[in-house]
Amino acid sequence: MPVEVRAAVRCGPDEVDASTIDLSLNGALLRARRIFPRGSAVKVSLFLGQNSPVIGDGSVMRIVGENQMGIQLDGLPLQESSRLQDFLLHQLPA
């Protein structure tokens, strides 16, 4: 679903600020000034306007251009997945 929210992506000790281009329960396409290589294991924080971010582990699956990376979310914890699902459901047109 095309939606833009603030995100942070950590790979080891490095962290970059990013924003989503597309977001789903399984992953996100993110835009960032610096991207991590394909195959990198990352921790993603999605700031959905709630008190605390949705946080989960993922993997960089694809690189698009010089500033976009597609991240597959690798099994969000149930509570985090529910929060993301609720957010996405509220983004659907009425």
N, C-alpha and C. Protein backbone atom coordinates (compact mmCIF):
# COMPACT_ATOMS: atom_id res chain seq x y z
N MET A 1 0.84 -1.16 0.00
CA MET A 1 0.00 0.00 0.00
C MET A 1 0.90 1.24 0.00
N PRO A 2 0.67 2.18 -0.88
CA PRO A 2 1.48 3.39 -0.88
C PRO A 2 1.16 4.25 0.34
N VAL A 3 2.11 4.36 1.23
CA VAL A 3 1.96 5.18 2.43
C VAL A 3 3.35 5.63 2.89
N GLU A 4 3.44 6.86 3.32
CA GLU A 4 4.73 7.39 3.76
C GLU A 4 4.72 7.61 5.26
N VAL A 5 5.61 6.90 5.95
CA VAL A 5 5.83 7.10 7.38
C VAL A 5 7.34 7.13 7.62
N ARG A 6 7.71 7.73 8.71
CA ARG A 6 9.13 7.77 9.08
C ARG A 6 9.57 6.40 9.57
N ALA A 7 10.80 6.06 9.23
CA ALA A 7 11.37 4.77 9.64
C ALA A 7 12.84 4.96 10.00
N ALA A 8 13.35 4.02 10.77
CA ALA A 8 14.78 3.95 11.06
C ALA A 8 15.20 2.52 10.77
N VAL A 9 16.35 2.37 10.13
CA VAL A 9 16.85 1.04 9.77
C VAL A 9 18.25 0.90 10.35
N ARG A 10 18.45 -0.17 11.14
CA ARG A 10 19.75 -0.43 11.76
C ARG A 10 20.33 -1.71 11.18
N CYS A 11 21.60 -1.63 10.83
CA CYS A 11 22.35 -2.79 10.36
C CYS A 11 23.65 -2.80 11.16
N GLY A 12 23.74 -3.70 12.12
CA GLY A 12 24.89 -3.69 13.03
C GLY A 12 24.90 -2.38 13.79
N PRO A 13 26.03 -1.69 13.84
CA PRO A 13 26.09 -0.42 14.57
C PRO A 13 25.59 0.78 13.77
N ASP A 14 25.33 0.59 12.47
CA ASP A 14 24.93 1.70 11.61
C ASP A 14 23.40 1.84 11.58
N GLU A 15 22.93 3.08 11.63
CA GLU A 15 21.50 3.34 11.54
C GLU A 15 21.27 4.48 10.57
N VAL A 16 20.22 4.35 9.74
CA VAL A 16 19.85 5.41 8.81
C VAL A 16 18.38 5.78 9.02
N ASP A 17 18.08 7.05 8.85
CA ASP A 17 16.70 7.50 8.84
C ASP A 17 16.16 7.27 7.44
N ALA A 18 14.89 6.89 7.37
CA ALA A 18 14.28 6.58 6.08
C ALA A 18 12.81 6.96 6.12
N SER A 19 12.16 6.81 4.97
CA SER A 19 10.71 6.95 4.91
C SER A 19 10.18 5.87 3.98
N THR A 20 8.98 5.40 4.29
CA THR A 20 8.41 4.35 3.45
C THR A 20 7.84 4.95 2.17
N ILE A 21 7.89 4.16 1.12
CA ILE A 21 7.22 4.47 -0.14
C ILE A 21 5.98 3.58 -0.23
N ASP A 22 6.18 2.31 0.04
CA ASP A 22 5.11 1.31 0.11
C ASP A 22 5.30 0.53 1.39
N LEU A 23 4.18 0.09 1.96
CA LEU A 23 4.24 -0.63 3.23
C LEU A 23 3.20 -1.74 3.22
N SER A 24 3.59 -2.92 3.69
CA SER A 24 2.66 -4.04 3.82
C SER A 24 2.98 -4.79 5.12
N LEU A 25 2.20 -5.83 5.40
CA LEU A 25 2.47 -6.64 6.59
C LEU A 25 3.76 -7.43 6.46
N ASN A 26 4.22 -7.63 5.22
CA ASN A 26 5.41 -8.45 4.98
C ASN A 26 6.67 -7.66 4.70
N GLY A 27 6.54 -6.36 4.46
CA GLY A 27 7.74 -5.61 4.13
C GLY A 27 7.46 -4.18 3.75
N ALA A 28 8.53 -3.52 3.31
CA ALA A 28 8.42 -2.10 2.97
C ALA A 28 9.46 -1.75 1.92
N LEU A 29 9.09 -0.81 1.07
CA LEU A 29 10.06 -0.17 0.18
C LEU A 29 10.38 1.16 0.82
N LEU A 30 11.66 1.37 1.14
CA LEU A 30 12.09 2.55 1.88
C LEU A 30 13.01 3.42 1.05
N ARG A 31 12.93 4.72 1.29
CA ARG A 31 13.84 5.69 0.68
C ARG A 31 14.74 6.22 1.80
N ALA A 32 16.05 6.23 1.54
CA ALA A 32 17.01 6.72 2.54
C ALA A 32 18.21 7.33 1.82
N ARG A 33 18.90 8.21 2.50
CA ARG A 33 20.10 8.83 1.91
C ARG A 33 21.20 7.81 1.70
N ARG A 34 21.22 6.81 2.58
CA ARG A 34 22.21 5.73 2.47
C ARG A 34 21.46 4.42 2.63
N ILE A 35 21.81 3.43 1.83
CA ILE A 35 21.13 2.14 1.89
C ILE A 35 22.12 1.05 2.25
N PHE A 36 21.58 -0.08 2.72
CA PHE A 36 22.41 -1.22 3.07
C PHE A 36 22.41 -2.23 1.92
N PRO A 37 23.47 -3.01 1.79
CA PRO A 37 23.58 -3.96 0.68
C PRO A 37 22.49 -5.03 0.73
N ARG A 38 22.16 -5.54 -0.44
CA ARG A 38 21.20 -6.63 -0.55
C ARG A 38 21.69 -7.80 0.30
N GLY A 39 20.77 -8.43 1.03
CA GLY A 39 21.12 -9.55 1.89
C GLY A 39 21.42 -9.16 3.32
N SER A 40 21.53 -7.85 3.60
CA SER A 40 21.84 -7.40 4.96
C SER A 40 20.68 -7.70 5.91
N ALA A 41 21.03 -8.17 7.09
CA ALA A 41 20.05 -8.34 8.17
C ALA A 41 19.88 -6.99 8.85
N VAL A 42 18.64 -6.55 9.02
CA VAL A 42 18.38 -5.22 9.57
C VAL A 42 17.31 -5.29 10.66
N LYS A 43 17.27 -4.26 11.47
CA LYS A 43 16.18 -4.05 12.43
C LYS A 43 15.49 -2.77 11.98
N VAL A 44 14.17 -2.86 11.79
CA VAL A 44 13.39 -1.75 11.26
C VAL A 44 12.46 -1.21 12.34
N SER A 45 12.43 0.11 12.49
CA SER A 45 11.48 0.79 13.37
C SER A 45 10.58 1.64 12.49
N LEU A 46 9.27 1.40 12.57
CA LEU A 46 8.29 2.15 11.79
C LEU A 46 7.50 3.05 12.72
N PHE A 47 7.55 4.35 12.47
CA PHE A 47 6.88 5.33 13.32
C PHE A 47 5.51 5.63 12.71
N LEU A 48 4.49 4.99 13.27
CA LEU A 48 3.15 5.04 12.69
C LEU A 48 2.26 6.07 13.36
N GLY A 49 2.84 7.00 14.10
CA GLY A 49 2.05 8.02 14.76
C GLY A 49 1.57 7.59 16.13
N GLN A 50 2.01 6.44 16.58
CA GLN A 50 1.65 5.97 17.91
C GLN A 50 2.78 6.30 18.86
N ASN A 51 2.57 6.00 20.13
CA ASN A 51 3.57 6.35 21.14
C ASN A 51 4.92 5.70 20.89
N SER A 52 4.92 4.43 20.53
CA SER A 52 6.18 3.74 20.29
C SER A 52 6.17 3.14 18.89
N PRO A 53 7.34 3.02 18.27
CA PRO A 53 7.38 2.49 16.91
C PRO A 53 7.11 0.99 16.87
N VAL A 54 6.67 0.51 15.71
CA VAL A 54 6.61 -0.92 15.44
C VAL A 54 8.02 -1.34 15.07
N ILE A 55 8.55 -2.34 15.77
CA ILE A 55 9.95 -2.75 15.57
C ILE A 55 10.00 -4.22 15.21
N GLY A 56 10.78 -4.53 14.19
CA GLY A 56 10.95 -5.92 13.79
C GLY A 56 12.22 -6.14 13.01
N ASP A 57 12.57 -7.40 12.86
CA ASP A 57 13.75 -7.78 12.10
C ASP A 57 13.38 -7.96 10.64
N GLY A 58 14.35 -7.75 9.77
CA GLY A 58 14.10 -7.91 8.35
C GLY A 58 15.38 -8.16 7.59
N SER A 59 15.23 -8.27 6.28
CA SER A 59 16.36 -8.48 5.38
C SER A 59 16.18 -7.59 4.16
N VAL A 60 17.28 -7.00 3.72
CA VAL A 60 17.24 -6.20 2.49
C VAL A 60 17.17 -7.18 1.33
N MET A 61 16.06 -7.14 0.60
CA MET A 61 15.83 -8.09 -0.49
C MET A 61 16.15 -7.51 -1.86
N ARG A 62 16.01 -6.18 -2.00
CA ARG A 62 16.30 -5.57 -3.30
C ARG A 62 16.71 -4.12 -3.11
N ILE A 63 17.44 -3.65 -4.11
CA ILE A 63 17.90 -2.27 -4.16
C ILE A 63 17.29 -1.65 -5.41
N VAL A 64 16.73 -0.45 -5.25
CA VAL A 64 16.14 0.26 -6.39
C VAL A 64 16.87 1.60 -6.49
N GLY A 65 17.61 1.78 -7.55
CA GLY A 65 18.37 3.02 -7.72
C GLY A 65 19.43 3.15 -6.64
N GLU A 66 19.71 4.40 -6.29
CA GLU A 66 20.77 4.67 -5.31
C GLU A 66 20.24 4.95 -3.91
N ASN A 67 18.90 5.11 -3.79
CA ASN A 67 18.41 5.52 -2.48
C ASN A 67 17.16 4.77 -2.00
N GLN A 68 16.88 3.59 -2.57
CA GLN A 68 15.72 2.83 -2.15
C GLN A 68 16.11 1.38 -1.88
N MET A 69 15.52 0.80 -0.83
CA MET A 69 15.76 -0.60 -0.53
C MET A 69 14.45 -1.26 -0.13
N GLY A 70 14.25 -2.45 -0.66
CA GLY A 70 13.08 -3.24 -0.32
C GLY A 70 13.45 -4.18 0.81
N ILE A 71 12.69 -4.10 1.90
CA ILE A 71 12.99 -4.90 3.08
C ILE A 71 11.85 -5.86 3.35
N GLN A 72 12.19 -7.13 3.48
CA GLN A 72 11.21 -8.13 3.88
C GLN A 72 11.25 -8.23 5.40
N LEU A 73 10.09 -8.09 6.02
CA LEU A 73 10.00 -8.22 7.47
C LEU A 73 9.92 -9.71 7.80
N ASP A 74 10.82 -10.16 8.64
CA ASP A 74 10.94 -11.59 8.95
C ASP A 74 10.20 -11.93 10.24
N GLY A 75 8.90 -12.06 10.15
CA GLY A 75 8.11 -12.50 11.29
C GLY A 75 8.08 -11.49 12.42
N LEU A 76 7.29 -10.45 12.26
CA LEU A 76 7.11 -9.50 13.36
C LEU A 76 6.49 -10.23 14.55
N PRO A 77 6.84 -9.83 15.77
CA PRO A 77 6.12 -10.38 16.93
C PRO A 77 4.62 -10.09 16.78
N LEU A 78 3.78 -10.93 17.33
CA LEU A 78 2.33 -10.84 17.16
C LEU A 78 1.79 -9.46 17.49
N GLN A 79 2.22 -8.89 18.60
CA GLN A 79 1.71 -7.57 19.00
C GLN A 79 2.11 -6.50 17.98
N GLU A 80 3.33 -6.55 17.48
CA GLU A 80 3.79 -5.58 16.50
C GLU A 80 3.05 -5.76 15.18
N SER A 81 2.84 -7.00 14.77
CA SER A 81 2.11 -7.29 13.55
C SER A 81 0.67 -6.77 13.64
N SER A 82 0.04 -6.92 14.79
CA SER A 82 -1.32 -6.42 14.99
C SER A 82 -1.38 -4.91 14.89
N ARG A 83 -0.40 -4.24 15.46
CA ARG A 83 -0.35 -2.77 15.39
C ARG A 83 -0.17 -2.31 13.94
N LEU A 84 0.70 -2.98 13.19
CA LEU A 84 0.91 -2.63 11.79
C LEU A 84 -0.36 -2.90 10.98
N GLN A 85 -1.01 -4.02 11.22
CA GLN A 85 -2.24 -4.35 10.51
C GLN A 85 -3.31 -3.29 10.78
N ASP A 86 -3.48 -2.90 12.04
CA ASP A 86 -4.47 -1.86 12.37
C ASP A 86 -4.17 -0.55 11.64
N PHE A 87 -2.89 -0.18 11.60
CA PHE A 87 -2.50 1.05 10.90
C PHE A 87 -2.86 0.95 9.42
N LEU A 88 -2.50 -0.17 8.78
CA LEU A 88 -2.76 -0.32 7.35
C LEU A 88 -4.25 -0.36 7.05
N LEU A 89 -5.04 -0.98 7.91
CA LEU A 89 -6.49 -1.02 7.69
C LEU A 89 -7.09 0.38 7.72
N HIS A 90 -6.55 1.25 8.55
CA HIS A 90 -7.05 2.62 8.63
C HIS A 90 -6.62 3.46 7.43
N GLN A 91 -5.67 2.97 6.63
CA GLN A 91 -5.22 3.69 5.44
C GLN A 91 -6.08 3.39 4.22
N LEU A 92 -6.88 2.31 4.30
CA LEU A 92 -7.73 1.95 3.17
C LEU A 92 -8.80 2.99 2.93
N PRO A 93 -9.10 3.29 1.67
CA PRO A 93 -10.16 4.25 1.39
C PRO A 93 -11.52 3.70 1.88
N ALA A 94 -12.35 4.60 2.35
CA ALA A 94 -13.66 4.19 2.88
C ALA A 94 -14.60 3.73 1.79
